[in-house]
Structures are given as structure tokens and as C-alpha cells.
Amino acid sequence: MVVIAITGANVGIGYEVARQLATVSEVTKLVLSCRSAEKAEATISKLVQDTGKAESFFESVILDLSDLASIQSAIATFPAFDRLCMNAGGLGTGKMHASGNGMTDSMVIN
């Protein structure tokens, strides 16, 4: 019985990892982190359709890595997991991050 958390699970490589891991018999739950509830809900619906797994097989956590409040909220609510696939990231805009921490947004996100 293995629970796997995947960051950036709603598109691209993250989605494909989730789709493929859903077929592994030892995996009992996937925790998908996405930037918004809408993206998470759409992703779970598509994964249910693509994999035939029950909706309860998937759980979502809202996590926007460019937003400190979102990160703190995710830390407080993230369920226990056995393995982590750290896929989230982005190019950003190259501009300084709004937090005023002296880093570009791409450095903060990644």
C-alpha cells in the first residue's frame, strides 16, 4: 500500500506520471498538487476517465509555489504520503518576485 504525492500533476509530465502510477497495483492513492481547485477537479475527472479508477483514489492539495500563503496552507493540510514526485516548476516571467525577497519569480517557483 503506497501513497504517492505528485507536484504539478495537472498537465504535462506531472499528469502523465499520475496517469501511469494509477495503473500500478501497489499504489493505493495519488495526492495531486495543483495551483487551483478548478485545475485539480478537472485533472481528477480526466484521470478517472482515463484510468477507470474511482474518484476516491485521487486526492488534491492546492499548491501555488509562487504564493507563500498557498505554500503555508498546503503544508498545514498535506496528507501523509510514502513517496514524492517533485515535478512542479515553471519559467516565470524573469521579473522580480512580488514578495520583495530579492529573487526573480522563476527562482521562487523553482
Protein backbone atom coordinates (compact mmCIF):
# COMPACT_ATOMS: atom_id res chain seq x y z
CA MET A 1 0.00 0.00 0.00
CA VAL A 2 1.74 3.12 -1.28
CA VAL A 3 0.53 6.73 -1.32
CA ILE A 4 2.37 8.96 -3.79
CA ALA A 5 2.23 12.76 -3.91
CA ILE A 6 2.89 14.49 -7.23
CA THR A 7 3.54 18.23 -7.55
CA GLY A 8 2.39 19.91 -10.75
CA ALA A 9 0.11 16.98 -11.50
CA ASN A 10 -2.45 18.68 -13.72
CA VAL A 11 -0.53 18.95 -17.01
CA GLY A 12 2.39 17.61 -18.97
CA ILE A 13 4.82 15.27 -17.29
CA GLY A 14 3.02 15.53 -13.93
CA TYR A 15 -0.27 14.40 -15.45
CA GLU A 16 1.38 11.55 -17.34
CA VAL A 17 3.17 10.39 -14.17
CA ALA A 18 -0.17 10.38 -12.33
CA ARG A 19 -1.89 8.51 -15.16
CA GLN A 20 0.80 5.83 -15.27
CA LEU A 21 1.16 5.46 -11.49
CA ALA A 22 -2.60 4.93 -11.23
CA THR A 23 -2.10 1.62 -13.06
CA VAL A 24 0.49 0.28 -10.60
CA SER A 25 -1.16 -2.24 -8.27
CA GLU A 26 0.90 -1.27 -5.19
CA VAL A 27 -0.27 2.35 -5.41
CA THR A 28 -3.39 2.88 -3.28
CA LYS A 29 -3.77 6.67 -3.56
CA LEU A 30 -2.35 9.59 -5.51
CA VAL A 31 -2.16 13.04 -3.94
CA LEU A 32 -2.11 15.64 -6.70
CA SER A 33 -0.93 19.18 -6.06
CA CYS A 34 -2.27 21.81 -8.44
CA ARG A 35 -2.35 25.62 -8.44
CA SER A 36 -6.14 25.90 -8.18
CA ALA A 37 -9.17 23.89 -7.13
CA GLU A 38 -10.57 24.15 -10.66
CA LYS A 39 -7.43 22.61 -12.17
CA ALA A 40 -7.40 19.88 -9.52
CA GLU A 41 -11.06 18.97 -10.09
CA ALA A 42 -10.62 18.87 -13.87
CA THR A 43 -7.49 16.74 -13.52
CA ILE A 44 -9.16 14.23 -11.22
CA SER A 45 -12.16 13.97 -13.57
CA LYS A 46 -9.86 13.32 -16.52
CA LEU A 47 -7.79 10.77 -14.56
CA VAL A 48 -10.94 8.92 -13.50
CA GLN A 49 -11.98 8.78 -17.16
CA ASP A 50 -8.51 7.81 -18.44
CA THR A 51 -7.67 5.22 -15.78
CA GLY A 52 -11.01 3.80 -14.66
CA LYS A 53 -10.02 4.43 -11.03
CA ALA A 54 -12.57 5.67 -8.51
CA GLU A 55 -12.53 9.38 -7.71
CA SER A 56 -11.58 8.45 -4.13
CA PHE A 57 -8.25 7.06 -5.43
CA PHE A 58 -7.19 10.67 -6.07
CA GLU A 59 -6.82 13.49 -3.56
CA SER A 60 -5.85 17.06 -4.29
CA VAL A 61 -3.91 19.75 -2.46
CA ILE A 62 -3.88 23.33 -3.72
CA LEU A 63 -0.26 24.46 -4.03
CA ASP A 64 0.88 27.53 -5.94
CA LEU A 65 4.64 27.68 -5.47
CA SER A 66 4.71 31.38 -6.34
CA ASP A 67 2.42 32.23 -3.40
CA LEU A 68 3.77 31.92 0.15
CA ALA A 69 0.27 31.78 1.66
CA SER A 70 -0.60 28.87 -0.66
CA ILE A 71 2.58 27.05 0.38
CA GLN A 72 1.81 27.55 4.08
CA SER A 73 -1.76 26.32 3.58
CA ALA A 74 -0.55 23.25 1.69
CA ILE A 75 1.94 22.44 4.47
CA ALA A 76 -0.87 22.57 7.02
CA THR A 77 -3.22 20.33 5.01
CA PHE A 78 -0.94 17.96 3.08
CA PRO A 79 -1.87 14.35 3.86
CA ALA A 80 0.71 11.70 4.73
CA PHE A 81 2.45 10.07 1.77
CA ASP A 82 5.11 7.43 1.18
CA ARG A 83 6.77 8.83 -1.92
CA LEU A 84 7.05 12.23 -3.57
CA CYS A 85 7.40 13.10 -7.24
CA MET A 86 8.63 16.71 -7.36
CA ASN A 87 7.54 17.81 -10.80
CA ALA A 88 6.22 21.36 -10.33
CA GLY A 89 8.10 24.28 -11.73
CA GLY A 90 7.92 26.98 -14.29
CA LEU A 91 9.80 29.53 -16.30
CA GLY A 92 8.22 32.53 -14.63
CA THR A 93 8.47 35.97 -16.20
CA GLY A 94 12.05 36.80 -15.26
CA LYS A 95 10.79 39.76 -13.22
CA MET A 96 11.47 40.26 -9.54
CA HIS A 97 9.02 38.35 -7.34
CA ALA A 98 6.26 40.41 -5.71
CA SER A 99 7.31 39.29 -2.22
CA GLY A 100 10.26 41.69 -2.32
CA ASN A 101 12.68 38.93 -1.35
CA GLY A 102 15.24 39.98 -3.96
CA MET A 103 14.72 36.94 -6.22
CA THR A 104 13.13 36.57 -9.63
CA ASP A 105 9.79 34.77 -9.79
CA SER A 106 11.39 31.80 -11.56
CA MET A 107 13.79 31.33 -8.63
CA VAL A 108 10.90 31.46 -6.15
CA ILE A 109 8.75 29.00 -8.12
CA ASN A 110 11.52 26.50 -8.69
